């Protein structure tokens, strides 16, 4: 992230660009961008002006669900808002996608480091967006002993903000994972039977044909 931040002028710009590149058909309001990238609204406004000037993004009016609260009751209503969306006709879009998407994905050791404070990690597997296979049901599987779920979720949310894409993840205690593995649970089998990367394995899972292992490198 530091290298890209220096290359493009600011890390916030890199996060914002990734958000649009990972979600090419989704429009975002300024507030949405600020929330998803953990950036201040003033910074977001400044960066979006620059990105519009180079035609990477364009303005778009769209309907958004707005949460309304009245006392203890809450309801949703639709409101027409103005936001920004990726310009699919941008001249250098393929090259920019290749650079930012490939560089955005954390390497195995860095992912483990971010998750370490959640507890005793036993198994970390990545799939989906991390191997550019959007058909995967899960992007990250985290297994461990005495895991602090809220800590793990905060770590994954910080990764989401960095890469600009909401992650699909599963967090399991080792006992539950072993039980579901033994019962041939469909979700677990879908992760293990399809392409994935083993980032950390302290359980001694047998190697499979459709996996890459960082834990042995």
N, C-alpha and C. Protein backbone atom coordinates (compact mmCIF):
# COMPACT_ATOMS: atom_id res chain seq x y z
N UNK A 1 0.83 -1.20 0.00
CA UNK A 1 0.00 0.00 0.00
C UNK A 1 0.86 1.25 0.00
N UNK A 2 2.00 1.24 0.76
CA UNK A 2 2.85 2.43 0.84
C UNK A 2 3.39 2.83 -0.53
N UNK A 3 3.83 1.84 -1.32
CA UNK A 3 4.39 2.13 -2.64
C UNK A 3 3.33 2.74 -3.54
N UNK A 4 2.14 2.14 -3.54
CA UNK A 4 1.06 2.67 -4.38
C UNK A 4 0.63 4.05 -3.90
N UNK A 5 0.63 4.24 -2.58
CA UNK A 5 0.26 5.55 -2.04
C UNK A 5 1.21 6.63 -2.52
N UNK A 6 2.51 6.31 -2.55
CA UNK A 6 3.50 7.27 -3.05
C UNK A 6 3.35 7.47 -4.56
N UNK A 7 3.04 6.38 -5.27
CA UNK A 7 2.90 6.46 -6.71
C UNK A 7 1.72 7.33 -7.11
N UNK A 8 0.60 7.16 -6.40
CA UNK A 8 -0.62 7.89 -6.76
C UNK A 8 -0.84 9.14 -5.91
N UNK A 9 0.05 9.42 -4.97
CA UNK A 9 -0.05 10.67 -4.22
C UNK A 9 -0.61 10.54 -2.83
N UNK A 10 -1.47 9.55 -2.57
CA UNK A 10 -2.06 9.38 -1.25
C UNK A 10 -2.69 7.99 -1.15
N UNK A 11 -2.62 7.40 0.05
CA UNK A 11 -3.22 6.09 0.24
C UNK A 11 -4.73 6.16 0.12
N UNK A 12 -5.31 7.30 0.53
CA UNK A 12 -6.76 7.45 0.43
C UNK A 12 -7.21 7.37 -1.03
N UNK A 13 -6.43 7.95 -1.92
CA UNK A 13 -6.78 7.88 -3.35
C UNK A 13 -6.75 6.44 -3.84
N UNK A 14 -5.76 5.67 -3.40
CA UNK A 14 -5.66 4.27 -3.80
C UNK A 14 -6.88 3.49 -3.32
N UNK A 15 -7.27 3.71 -2.06
CA UNK A 15 -8.44 3.02 -1.51
C UNK A 15 -9.70 3.36 -2.29
N UNK A 16 -9.86 4.64 -2.63
CA UNK A 16 -11.04 5.08 -3.36
C UNK A 16 -11.07 4.49 -4.76
N UNK A 17 -9.92 4.49 -5.42
CA UNK A 17 -9.85 3.91 -6.76
C UNK A 17 -10.18 2.42 -6.73
N UNK A 18 -9.67 1.72 -5.73
CA UNK A 18 -9.96 0.30 -5.60
C UNK A 18 -11.45 0.05 -5.39
N UNK A 19 -12.06 0.89 -4.59
CA UNK A 19 -13.49 0.73 -4.32
C UNK A 19 -14.28 0.72 -5.62
N UNK A 20 -13.99 1.64 -6.50
CA UNK A 20 -14.70 1.70 -7.78
C UNK A 20 -14.28 0.56 -8.72
N UNK A 21 -13.01 0.21 -8.71
CA UNK A 21 -12.53 -0.86 -9.59
C UNK A 21 -13.08 -2.22 -9.20
N UNK A 22 -13.23 -2.46 -7.90
CA UNK A 22 -13.76 -3.74 -7.43
C UNK A 22 -15.29 -3.80 -7.55
N UNK A 23 -15.91 -2.66 -7.67
CA UNK A 23 -17.38 -2.60 -7.74
C UNK A 23 -17.78 -1.77 -8.96
N UNK A 24 -17.46 -2.25 -10.16
CA UNK A 24 -17.56 -1.43 -11.38
C UNK A 24 -18.96 -0.95 -11.75
N UNK A 25 -20.00 -1.62 -11.28
CA UNK A 25 -21.35 -1.23 -11.67
C UNK A 25 -22.14 -0.61 -10.53
N UNK A 26 -21.49 -0.40 -9.39
CA UNK A 26 -22.19 0.12 -8.21
C UNK A 26 -21.89 1.60 -8.02
N UNK A 27 -22.92 2.45 -7.97
CA UNK A 27 -22.70 3.88 -7.69
C UNK A 27 -22.59 4.11 -6.18
N UNK A 28 -21.79 5.09 -5.79
CA UNK A 28 -21.60 5.41 -4.38
C UNK A 28 -21.78 6.91 -4.16
N UNK A 29 -22.44 7.28 -3.07
CA UNK A 29 -22.46 8.68 -2.67
C UNK A 29 -21.11 8.99 -2.02
N UNK A 30 -20.84 10.28 -1.81
CA UNK A 30 -19.60 10.66 -1.13
C UNK A 30 -19.51 10.02 0.26
N UNK A 31 -20.67 9.99 0.94
CA UNK A 31 -20.72 9.41 2.28
C UNK A 31 -20.42 7.91 2.25
N UNK A 32 -20.94 7.24 1.23
CA UNK A 32 -20.66 5.80 1.07
C UNK A 32 -19.17 5.56 0.91
N UNK A 33 -18.55 6.36 0.06
CA UNK A 33 -17.11 6.21 -0.20
C UNK A 33 -16.31 6.43 1.07
N UNK A 34 -16.68 7.46 1.83
CA UNK A 34 -15.97 7.76 3.08
C UNK A 34 -16.09 6.60 4.07
N UNK A 35 -17.29 6.04 4.17
CA UNK A 35 -17.51 4.93 5.10
C UNK A 35 -16.76 3.67 4.68
N UNK A 36 -16.81 3.36 3.39
CA UNK A 36 -16.21 2.12 2.91
C UNK A 36 -14.68 2.17 2.93
N UNK A 37 -14.11 3.34 2.75
CA UNK A 37 -12.65 3.46 2.70
C UNK A 37 -12.04 4.00 3.99
N UNK A 38 -12.91 4.27 4.98
CA UNK A 38 -12.43 4.81 6.26
C UNK A 38 -11.66 6.12 6.05
N UNK A 39 -12.18 6.96 5.17
CA UNK A 39 -11.56 8.25 4.88
C UNK A 39 -12.49 9.37 5.30
N UNK A 40 -11.93 10.55 5.54
CA UNK A 40 -12.77 11.69 5.90
C UNK A 40 -13.54 12.18 4.68
N UNK A 41 -14.69 12.80 4.92
CA UNK A 41 -15.53 13.26 3.84
C UNK A 41 -14.84 14.33 3.01
N UNK A 42 -14.07 15.19 3.66
CA UNK A 42 -13.37 16.25 2.92
C UNK A 42 -12.32 15.66 1.98
N UNK A 43 -11.61 14.63 2.44
CA UNK A 43 -10.62 13.96 1.60
C UNK A 43 -11.30 13.28 0.43
N UNK A 44 -12.42 12.62 0.69
CA UNK A 44 -13.17 11.94 -0.36
C UNK A 44 -13.62 12.92 -1.43
N UNK A 45 -14.19 14.04 -1.02
CA UNK A 45 -14.65 15.05 -1.99
C UNK A 45 -13.49 15.51 -2.87
N UNK A 46 -12.34 15.76 -2.25
CA UNK A 46 -11.17 16.23 -2.99
C UNK A 46 -10.71 15.19 -4.01
N UNK A 47 -10.62 13.93 -3.58
CA UNK A 47 -10.13 12.88 -4.48
C UNK A 47 -11.12 12.58 -5.60
N UNK A 48 -12.41 12.63 -5.30
CA UNK A 48 -13.41 12.35 -6.33
C UNK A 48 -13.40 13.42 -7.42
N UNK A 49 -13.15 14.65 -7.04
CA UNK A 49 -13.04 15.72 -8.05
C UNK A 49 -11.91 15.40 -9.02
N UNK A 50 -10.77 14.96 -8.48
CA UNK A 50 -9.62 14.62 -9.33
C UNK A 50 -9.95 13.44 -10.24
N UNK A 51 -10.59 12.41 -9.69
CA UNK A 51 -10.90 11.21 -10.48
C UNK A 51 -11.94 11.50 -11.56
N UNK A 52 -12.83 12.46 -11.29
CA UNK A 52 -13.80 12.86 -12.33
C UNK A 52 -13.09 13.63 -13.45
N UNK A 53 -12.12 14.45 -13.08
CA UNK A 53 -11.41 15.25 -14.08
C UNK A 53 -10.66 14.37 -15.07
N UNK A 54 -10.17 13.23 -14.61
CA UNK A 54 -9.44 12.34 -15.53
C UNK A 54 -10.37 11.30 -16.15
N UNK A 55 -11.67 11.39 -15.82
CA UNK A 55 -12.71 10.51 -16.40
C UNK A 55 -12.64 9.06 -15.93
N UNK A 56 -12.00 8.81 -14.79
CA UNK A 56 -12.02 7.45 -14.25
C UNK A 56 -13.40 7.12 -13.69
N UNK A 57 -14.04 8.12 -13.11
CA UNK A 57 -15.41 7.95 -12.61
C UNK A 57 -16.29 9.02 -13.23
N UNK A 58 -17.58 8.82 -13.13
CA UNK A 58 -18.54 9.79 -13.65
C UNK A 58 -19.71 9.90 -12.68
N UNK A 59 -20.39 11.03 -12.72
CA UNK A 59 -21.53 11.24 -11.85
C UNK A 59 -22.73 10.40 -12.28
N UNK A 60 -23.54 10.02 -11.30
CA UNK A 60 -24.73 9.24 -11.62
C UNK A 60 -25.80 9.46 -10.56
N UNK A 61 -27.04 9.62 -11.02
CA UNK A 61 -28.19 9.71 -10.13
C UNK A 61 -28.76 8.30 -9.95
N UNK A 62 -29.06 7.93 -8.72
CA UNK A 62 -29.59 6.58 -8.47
C UNK A 62 -30.47 6.56 -7.23
N UNK A 63 -31.27 5.51 -7.10
CA UNK A 63 -32.15 5.34 -5.94
C UNK A 63 -31.40 4.62 -4.83
N UNK A 64 -31.56 5.11 -3.62
CA UNK A 64 -30.89 4.50 -2.48
C UNK A 64 -31.88 4.31 -1.34
N UNK A 65 -31.75 3.18 -0.65
CA UNK A 65 -32.60 2.93 0.50
C UNK A 65 -32.08 3.73 1.68
N UNK A 66 -32.96 4.51 2.28
CA UNK A 66 -32.61 5.36 3.41
C UNK A 66 -33.32 4.84 4.66
N UNK A 67 -32.55 4.65 5.74
CA UNK A 67 -33.13 4.19 6.99
C UNK A 67 -33.70 5.38 7.76
N UNK A 68 -34.97 5.27 8.13
CA UNK A 68 -35.63 6.31 8.91
C UNK A 68 -36.01 5.75 10.28
N UNK A 69 -35.66 6.48 11.32
CA UNK A 69 -36.00 6.04 12.67
C UNK A 69 -36.96 7.03 13.32
N UNK A 70 -37.99 6.47 13.92
CA UNK A 70 -38.96 7.28 14.64
C UNK A 70 -39.26 6.58 15.95
N UNK A 71 -38.68 7.10 17.03
CA UNK A 71 -38.81 6.42 18.30
C UNK A 71 -38.08 5.09 18.26
N UNK A 72 -38.80 4.03 18.62
CA UNK A 72 -38.22 2.69 18.60
C UNK A 72 -38.43 1.99 17.27
N UNK A 73 -39.17 2.62 16.39
CA UNK A 73 -39.47 2.01 15.11
C UNK A 73 -38.55 2.55 14.02
N UNK A 74 -38.25 1.71 13.07
CA UNK A 74 -37.42 2.12 11.94
C UNK A 74 -38.00 1.56 10.66
N UNK A 75 -37.80 2.27 9.59
CA UNK A 75 -38.32 1.83 8.29
C UNK A 75 -37.39 2.34 7.19
N UNK A 76 -37.52 1.73 6.02
CA UNK A 76 -36.70 2.13 4.88
C UNK A 76 -37.57 2.82 3.84
N UNK A 77 -36.98 3.80 3.20
CA UNK A 77 -37.65 4.46 2.08
C UNK A 77 -36.62 4.72 0.99
N UNK A 78 -37.08 4.85 -0.23
CA UNK A 78 -36.18 5.10 -1.35
C UNK A 78 -36.07 6.59 -1.62
N UNK A 79 -34.84 7.01 -1.90
CA UNK A 79 -34.59 8.42 -2.17
C UNK A 79 -33.64 8.54 -3.35
N UNK A 80 -33.88 9.51 -4.20
CA UNK A 80 -33.00 9.75 -5.34
C UNK A 80 -31.79 10.54 -4.86
N UNK A 81 -30.60 10.01 -5.10
CA UNK A 81 -29.38 10.67 -4.64
C UNK A 81 -28.40 10.78 -5.80
N UNK A 82 -27.36 11.58 -5.59
CA UNK A 82 -26.33 11.77 -6.60
C UNK A 82 -25.02 11.16 -6.09
N UNK A 83 -24.36 10.44 -6.96
CA UNK A 83 -23.11 9.82 -6.57
C UNK A 83 -22.16 9.64 -7.73
N UNK A 84 -21.25 8.70 -7.59
CA UNK A 84 -20.24 8.44 -8.62
C UNK A 84 -20.19 6.96 -8.93
N UNK A 85 -19.82 6.64 -10.17
CA UNK A 85 -19.68 5.25 -10.60
C UNK A 85 -18.48 5.15 -11.54
N UNK A 86 -17.89 3.98 -11.62
CA UNK A 86 -16.74 3.78 -12.50
C UNK A 86 -17.12 4.04 -13.96
N UNK A 87 -16.25 4.72 -14.67
CA UNK A 87 -16.44 4.96 -16.10
C UNK A 87 -15.82 3.79 -16.86
N UNK A 88 -16.66 2.90 -17.37
CA UNK A 88 -16.17 1.69 -18.05
C UNK A 88 -15.44 2.01 -19.35
N UNK A 89 -15.55 3.26 -19.82
CA UNK A 89 -14.88 3.64 -21.07
C UNK A 89 -13.53 4.32 -20.83
N UNK A 90 -13.09 4.35 -19.58
CA UNK A 90 -11.81 4.99 -19.27
C UNK A 90 -10.69 4.33 -20.08
N UNK A 91 -9.86 5.14 -20.69
CA UNK A 91 -8.87 4.67 -21.66
C UNK A 91 -7.91 3.61 -21.11
N UNK A 92 -7.48 3.79 -19.87
CA UNK A 92 -6.47 2.89 -19.31
C UNK A 92 -7.06 1.97 -18.23
N UNK A 93 -8.34 1.69 -18.32
CA UNK A 93 -9.01 0.90 -17.29
C UNK A 93 -8.40 -0.50 -17.10
N UNK A 94 -8.18 -1.28 -18.16
CA UNK A 94 -7.61 -2.63 -17.95
C UNK A 94 -6.26 -2.61 -17.24
N UNK A 95 -5.41 -1.67 -17.64
CA UNK A 95 -4.08 -1.59 -17.03
C UNK A 95 -4.17 -1.18 -15.56
N UNK A 96 -5.08 -0.24 -15.27
CA UNK A 96 -5.25 0.23 -13.90
C UNK A 96 -5.83 -0.87 -13.02
N UNK A 97 -6.79 -1.61 -13.56
CA UNK A 97 -7.37 -2.72 -12.81
C UNK A 97 -6.31 -3.77 -12.49
N UNK A 98 -5.49 -4.08 -13.46
CA UNK A 98 -4.44 -5.09 -13.25
C UNK A 98 -3.48 -4.65 -12.16
N UNK A 99 -3.10 -3.38 -12.19
CA UNK A 99 -2.14 -2.86 -11.22
C UNK A 99 -2.73 -2.80 -9.82
N UNK A 100 -3.89 -2.18 -9.67
CA UNK A 100 -4.44 -1.93 -8.35
C UNK A 100 -5.07 -3.16 -7.72
N UNK A 101 -5.73 -3.99 -8.51
CA UNK A 101 -6.37 -5.17 -7.94
C UNK A 101 -5.33 -6.20 -7.53
N UNK A 102 -4.34 -6.46 -8.38
CA UNK A 102 -3.30 -7.42 -8.03
C UNK A 102 -2.50 -6.95 -6.81
N UNK A 103 -2.19 -5.67 -6.77
CA UNK A 103 -1.36 -5.14 -5.68
C UNK A 103 -2.13 -5.00 -4.38
N UNK A 104 -3.46 -5.00 -4.46
CA UNK A 104 -4.28 -4.74 -3.28
C UNK A 104 -4.39 -5.95 -2.37
N UNK A 105 -4.23 -7.15 -2.91
CA UNK A 105 -4.50 -8.34 -2.15
C UNK A 105 -3.33 -8.69 -1.24
N UNK A 106 -3.64 -8.85 0.04
CA UNK A 106 -2.61 -9.11 1.02
C UNK A 106 -1.95 -10.47 0.79
N UNK A 107 -0.67 -10.52 1.03
CA UNK A 107 0.04 -11.79 0.97
C UNK A 107 -0.24 -12.58 2.25
N UNK A 108 0.02 -13.88 2.20
CA UNK A 108 -0.32 -14.75 3.32
C UNK A 108 0.17 -14.29 4.68
N UNK A 109 1.47 -14.04 4.86
CA UNK A 109 1.97 -13.64 6.17
C UNK A 109 1.34 -12.35 6.70
N UNK A 110 1.06 -11.41 5.81
CA UNK A 110 0.46 -10.15 6.24
C UNK A 110 -0.97 -10.37 6.72
N UNK A 111 -1.70 -11.24 6.05
CA UNK A 111 -3.07 -11.55 6.47
C UNK A 111 -3.07 -12.21 7.84
N UNK A 112 -2.17 -13.16 8.05
CA UNK A 112 -2.07 -13.84 9.34
C UNK A 112 -1.71 -12.85 10.43
N UNK A 113 -0.79 -11.94 10.14
CA UNK A 113 -0.38 -10.94 11.13
C UNK A 113 -1.56 -10.09 11.58
N UNK A 114 -2.42 -9.73 10.65
CA UNK A 114 -3.58 -8.91 10.99
C UNK A 114 -4.60 -9.68 11.83
N UNK A 115 -4.64 -11.00 11.65
CA UNK A 115 -5.62 -11.82 12.35
C UNK A 115 -5.09 -12.40 13.66
N UNK A 116 -3.80 -12.31 13.91
CA UNK A 116 -3.17 -12.97 15.06
C UNK A 116 -3.78 -12.58 16.39
N UNK A 117 -4.19 -11.33 16.53
CA UNK A 117 -4.71 -10.86 17.82
C UNK A 117 -6.08 -11.44 18.14
N UNK A 118 -6.68 -12.15 17.20
CA UNK A 118 -8.03 -12.70 17.41
C UNK A 118 -8.00 -13.98 18.24
N UNK A 119 -6.83 -14.61 18.39
CA UNK A 119 -6.74 -15.85 19.15
C UNK A 119 -5.70 -16.78 18.57
N UNK A 120 -5.77 -18.05 18.96
CA UNK A 120 -4.81 -19.05 18.49
C UNK A 120 -5.26 -19.57 17.13
N UNK A 121 -4.67 -19.02 16.09
CA UNK A 121 -5.05 -19.41 14.73
C UNK A 121 -4.54 -20.82 14.42
N UNK A 122 -5.41 -21.61 13.82
CA UNK A 122 -5.05 -22.98 13.42
C UNK A 122 -5.09 -23.17 11.91
N UNK A 123 -5.96 -22.41 11.25
CA UNK A 123 -6.10 -22.57 9.80
C UNK A 123 -6.62 -21.27 9.20
N UNK A 124 -5.95 -20.80 8.17
CA UNK A 124 -6.42 -19.64 7.41
C UNK A 124 -6.36 -20.00 5.94
N UNK A 125 -7.49 -19.91 5.28
CA UNK A 125 -7.58 -20.22 3.86
C UNK A 125 -8.19 -19.03 3.13
N UNK A 126 -7.62 -18.68 2.00
CA UNK A 126 -8.19 -17.63 1.16
C UNK A 126 -8.68 -18.23 -0.15
N UNK A 127 -9.70 -17.61 -0.69
CA UNK A 127 -10.26 -18.04 -1.97
C UNK A 127 -10.93 -16.81 -2.58
N UNK A 128 -11.85 -17.02 -3.49
CA UNK A 128 -12.63 -15.91 -4.03
C UNK A 128 -11.78 -14.80 -4.59
N UNK A 129 -11.96 -13.62 -4.02
CA UNK A 129 -11.31 -12.42 -4.55
C UNK A 129 -9.79 -12.52 -4.45
N UNK A 130 -9.28 -13.27 -3.47
CA UNK A 130 -7.83 -13.36 -3.28
C UNK A 130 -7.14 -14.17 -4.37
N UNK A 131 -7.91 -15.00 -5.06
CA UNK A 131 -7.34 -15.76 -6.18
C UNK A 131 -8.07 -15.42 -7.48
N UNK A 132 -8.81 -14.30 -7.42
CA UNK A 132 -9.56 -13.79 -8.57
C UNK A 132 -10.51 -14.86 -9.14
N UNK A 133 -11.20 -15.52 -8.22
CA UNK A 133 -12.24 -16.49 -8.57
C UNK A 133 -13.54 -16.04 -7.92
N UNK A 134 -14.31 -15.25 -8.64
CA UNK A 134 -15.50 -14.64 -8.07
C UNK A 134 -16.64 -15.64 -7.88
N UNK A 135 -16.47 -16.88 -8.34
CA UNK A 135 -17.50 -17.90 -8.14
C UNK A 135 -17.41 -18.55 -6.76
N UNK A 136 -16.33 -18.31 -6.04
CA UNK A 136 -16.17 -18.90 -4.71
C UNK A 136 -17.21 -18.36 -3.75
N UNK A 137 -17.68 -19.20 -2.85
CA UNK A 137 -18.67 -18.78 -1.86
C UNK A 137 -18.03 -17.95 -0.74
N UNK A 138 -16.75 -18.16 -0.50
CA UNK A 138 -16.07 -17.53 0.63
C UNK A 138 -14.72 -16.97 0.18
N UNK A 139 -14.36 -15.81 0.72
CA UNK A 139 -13.05 -15.22 0.45
C UNK A 139 -12.01 -15.63 1.49
N UNK A 140 -12.45 -15.73 2.76
CA UNK A 140 -11.53 -16.06 3.84
C UNK A 140 -12.19 -17.04 4.82
N UNK A 141 -11.46 -18.09 5.17
CA UNK A 141 -11.87 -19.00 6.24
C UNK A 141 -10.84 -18.90 7.35
N UNK A 142 -11.32 -18.61 8.56
CA UNK A 142 -10.45 -18.49 9.73
C UNK A 142 -10.88 -19.52 10.77
N UNK A 143 -9.95 -20.37 11.19
CA UNK A 143 -10.23 -21.40 12.19
C UNK A 143 -9.21 -21.26 13.32
N UNK A 144 -9.68 -21.39 14.56
CA UNK A 144 -8.75 -21.28 15.68
C UNK A 144 -9.38 -21.65 17.00
N UNK A 145 -8.58 -21.55 18.06
CA UNK A 145 -9.03 -21.85 19.42
C UNK A 145 -9.25 -20.55 20.18
N UNK A 146 -10.36 -20.50 20.90
CA UNK A 146 -10.69 -19.34 21.74
C UNK A 146 -10.62 -18.03 20.94
N UNK A 147 -11.21 -18.04 19.79
CA UNK A 147 -11.18 -16.87 18.91
C UNK A 147 -12.07 -15.76 19.44
N UNK A 148 -11.58 -14.54 19.36
CA UNK A 148 -12.39 -13.36 19.66
C UNK A 148 -13.01 -12.91 18.35
N UNK A 149 -14.27 -13.27 18.16
CA UNK A 149 -14.91 -13.02 16.87
C UNK A 149 -14.90 -11.54 16.51
N UNK A 150 -15.18 -10.68 17.49
CA UNK A 150 -15.24 -9.25 17.20
C UNK A 150 -13.88 -8.72 16.75
N UNK A 151 -12.80 -9.25 17.34
CA UNK A 151 -11.45 -8.84 16.95
C UNK A 151 -11.14 -9.29 15.53
N UNK A 152 -11.51 -10.53 15.22
CA UNK A 152 -11.29 -11.05 13.86
C UNK A 152 -12.09 -10.25 12.84
N UNK A 153 -13.33 -9.91 13.19
CA UNK A 153 -14.17 -9.15 12.27
C UNK A 153 -13.61 -7.75 12.04
N UNK A 154 -13.09 -7.13 13.10
CA UNK A 154 -12.48 -5.80 12.93
C UNK A 154 -11.27 -5.87 12.01
N UNK A 155 -10.47 -6.92 12.16
CA UNK A 155 -9.30 -7.09 11.28
C UNK A 155 -9.73 -7.26 9.83
N UNK A 156 -10.77 -8.05 9.61
CA UNK A 156 -11.25 -8.28 8.25
C UNK A 156 -11.89 -7.02 7.68
N UNK A 157 -12.55 -6.24 8.53
CA UNK A 157 -13.14 -4.97 8.07
C UNK A 157 -12.05 -3.98 7.66
N UNK A 158 -10.92 -3.99 8.37
CA UNK A 158 -9.82 -3.09 8.00
C UNK A 158 -9.23 -3.52 6.65
N UNK A 159 -9.21 -4.83 6.40
CA UNK A 159 -8.74 -5.33 5.11
C UNK A 159 -9.72 -4.93 4.01
N UNK A 160 -11.01 -5.00 4.31
CA UNK A 160 -12.04 -4.57 3.36
C UNK A 160 -11.82 -3.13 2.94
N UNK A 161 -11.53 -2.28 3.93
CA UNK A 161 -11.32 -0.85 3.64
C UNK A 161 -10.10 -0.65 2.75
N UNK A 162 -9.07 -1.48 2.95
CA UNK A 162 -7.85 -1.34 2.16
C UNK A 162 -8.05 -1.77 0.71
N UNK A 163 -8.74 -2.90 0.52
CA UNK A 163 -8.86 -3.43 -0.84
C UNK A 163 -10.10 -2.92 -1.56
N UNK A 164 -11.04 -2.32 -0.82
CA UNK A 164 -12.21 -1.73 -1.47
C UNK A 164 -13.30 -2.71 -1.84
N UNK A 165 -13.31 -3.87 -1.22
CA UNK A 165 -14.31 -4.88 -1.54
C UNK A 165 -14.78 -5.58 -0.27
N UNK A 166 -16.10 -5.75 -0.14
CA UNK A 166 -16.64 -6.46 1.01
C UNK A 166 -16.25 -7.93 0.93
N UNK A 167 -15.72 -8.44 2.03
CA UNK A 167 -15.25 -9.82 2.06
C UNK A 167 -16.33 -10.77 2.57
N UNK A 168 -16.40 -11.93 1.97
CA UNK A 168 -17.26 -13.01 2.47
C UNK A 168 -16.36 -13.92 3.30
N UNK A 169 -16.63 -14.01 4.59
CA UNK A 169 -15.72 -14.76 5.45
C UNK A 169 -16.48 -15.69 6.39
N UNK A 170 -15.76 -16.71 6.87
CA UNK A 170 -16.29 -17.66 7.85
C UNK A 170 -15.27 -17.76 8.97
N UNK A 171 -15.74 -17.62 10.21
CA UNK A 171 -14.88 -17.72 11.39
C UNK A 171 -15.39 -18.87 12.25
N UNK A 172 -14.55 -19.87 12.50
CA UNK A 172 -14.98 -21.06 13.23
C UNK A 172 -13.97 -21.45 14.31
N UNK A 173 -14.50 -21.97 15.42
CA UNK A 173 -13.64 -22.61 16.40
C UNK A 173 -13.15 -23.94 15.82
N UNK A 174 -11.99 -24.39 16.26
CA UNK A 174 -11.42 -25.62 15.71
C UNK A 174 -12.36 -26.81 15.88
N UNK A 175 -13.00 -26.92 17.04
CA UNK A 175 -13.90 -28.04 17.29
C UNK A 175 -15.06 -28.05 16.30
N UNK A 176 -15.62 -26.88 16.03
CA UNK A 176 -16.73 -26.81 15.09
C UNK A 176 -16.27 -27.12 13.67
N UNK A 177 -15.10 -26.61 13.31
CA UNK A 177 -14.58 -26.89 11.97
C UNK A 177 -14.37 -28.39 11.78
N UNK A 178 -13.74 -29.04 12.77
CA UNK A 178 -13.49 -30.48 12.66
C UNK A 178 -14.79 -31.26 12.57
N UNK A 179 -15.79 -30.85 13.35
CA UNK A 179 -17.09 -31.52 13.30
C UNK A 179 -17.72 -31.38 11.92
N UNK A 180 -17.72 -30.14 11.40
CA UNK A 180 -18.33 -29.90 10.09
C UNK A 180 -17.54 -30.58 8.98
N UNK A 181 -16.23 -30.65 9.14
CA UNK A 181 -15.40 -31.34 8.16
C UNK A 181 -15.74 -32.83 8.14
N UNK A 182 -15.90 -33.41 9.34
CA UNK A 182 -16.23 -34.83 9.43
C UNK A 182 -17.62 -35.16 8.93
N UNK A 183 -18.52 -34.18 9.01
CA UNK A 183 -19.90 -34.37 8.54
C UNK A 183 -20.06 -34.02 7.07
N UNK A 184 -18.95 -33.71 6.41
CA UNK A 184 -18.97 -33.31 5.00
C UNK A 184 -19.92 -32.12 4.77
N UNK A 185 -19.81 -31.14 5.68
CA UNK A 185 -20.60 -29.92 5.57
C UNK A 185 -20.39 -29.28 4.19
N UNK A 186 -21.48 -28.88 3.56
CA UNK A 186 -21.40 -28.39 2.18
C UNK A 186 -20.52 -27.15 2.06
N UNK A 187 -20.64 -26.20 2.98
CA UNK A 187 -19.84 -24.98 2.90
C UNK A 187 -18.35 -25.30 3.00
N UNK A 188 -17.99 -26.14 3.96
CA UNK A 188 -16.58 -26.50 4.14
C UNK A 188 -16.06 -27.24 2.92
N UNK A 189 -16.86 -28.16 2.38
CA UNK A 189 -16.44 -28.90 1.19
C UNK A 189 -16.30 -27.97 -0.01
N UNK A 190 -17.21 -26.99 -0.12
CA UNK A 190 -17.12 -26.04 -1.23
C UNK A 190 -15.82 -25.24 -1.18
N UNK A 191 -15.36 -24.95 0.03
CA UNK A 191 -14.10 -24.21 0.18
C UNK A 191 -12.91 -25.11 -0.18
N UNK A 192 -12.91 -26.32 0.36
CA UNK A 192 -11.76 -27.21 0.21
C UNK A 192 -11.70 -27.91 -1.15
N UNK A 193 -12.85 -28.13 -1.76
CA UNK A 193 -12.88 -28.88 -3.02
C UNK A 193 -12.68 -28.01 -4.25
N UNK A 194 -12.68 -26.70 -4.05
CA UNK A 194 -12.50 -25.78 -5.17
C UNK A 194 -11.23 -24.96 -4.95
N UNK A 195 -10.75 -24.27 -5.98
CA UNK A 195 -9.47 -23.55 -5.85
C UNK A 195 -9.40 -22.64 -4.63
N UNK A 196 -8.29 -22.71 -3.92
CA UNK A 196 -8.09 -21.90 -2.72
C UNK A 196 -6.60 -21.87 -2.40
N UNK A 197 -6.24 -21.04 -1.44
CA UNK A 197 -4.85 -20.95 -0.99
C UNK A 197 -4.80 -21.18 0.51
N UNK A 198 -3.97 -22.11 0.95
CA UNK A 198 -3.76 -22.34 2.38
C UNK A 198 -2.68 -21.38 2.86
N UNK A 199 -3.09 -20.41 3.66
CA UNK A 199 -2.17 -19.40 4.17
C UNK A 199 -1.48 -19.89 5.44
N UNK A 200 -2.25 -20.58 6.28
CA UNK A 200 -1.72 -21.12 7.54
C UNK A 200 -2.43 -22.44 7.82
N UNK A 201 -1.67 -23.47 8.19
CA UNK A 201 -2.28 -24.76 8.51
C UNK A 201 -1.53 -25.41 9.67
N UNK A 202 -2.14 -25.36 10.84
CA UNK A 202 -1.60 -26.04 12.02
C UNK A 202 -2.45 -27.26 12.38
N UNK A 203 -3.37 -27.61 11.48
CA UNK A 203 -4.23 -28.77 11.69
C UNK A 203 -3.73 -29.99 10.93
N UNK A 204 -2.84 -29.77 9.97
CA UNK A 204 -2.32 -30.88 9.19
C UNK A 204 -3.29 -31.42 8.17
N UNK A 205 -4.01 -30.52 7.50
CA UNK A 205 -4.94 -30.97 6.47
C UNK A 205 -4.17 -31.60 5.31
N UNK A 206 -4.70 -32.68 4.73
CA UNK A 206 -4.02 -33.28 3.57
C UNK A 206 -4.06 -32.34 2.38
N UNK A 207 -2.99 -32.26 1.59
CA UNK A 207 -2.99 -31.37 0.42
C UNK A 207 -4.00 -31.82 -0.62
N UNK A 208 -4.62 -30.85 -1.29
CA UNK A 208 -5.60 -31.12 -2.32
C UNK A 208 -5.09 -30.60 -3.66
N UNK A 209 -5.68 -31.06 -4.73
CA UNK A 209 -5.18 -30.71 -6.06
C UNK A 209 -5.42 -29.26 -6.43
N UNK A 210 -6.50 -28.65 -5.91
CA UNK A 210 -6.85 -27.29 -6.31
C UNK A 210 -6.44 -26.25 -5.28
N UNK A 211 -5.30 -26.46 -4.63
CA UNK A 211 -4.89 -25.49 -3.63
C UNK A 211 -3.43 -25.09 -3.83
N UNK A 212 -3.14 -23.89 -3.34
CA UNK A 212 -1.77 -23.42 -3.26
C UNK A 212 -1.49 -23.23 -1.78
N UNK A 213 -0.27 -23.51 -1.36
CA UNK A 213 0.03 -23.42 0.06
C UNK A 213 1.16 -22.42 0.30
N UNK A 214 0.83 -21.37 1.09
CA UNK A 214 1.84 -20.41 1.51
C UNK A 214 2.53 -20.91 2.78
N UNK A 215 1.81 -21.76 3.55
CA UNK A 215 2.35 -22.18 4.83
C UNK A 215 3.57 -23.08 4.69
N UNK A 216 3.79 -23.62 3.47
CA UNK A 216 4.94 -24.50 3.25
C UNK A 216 6.08 -23.78 2.55
N UNK A 217 5.87 -22.49 2.22
CA UNK A 217 6.89 -21.76 1.47
C UNK A 217 7.88 -21.10 2.41
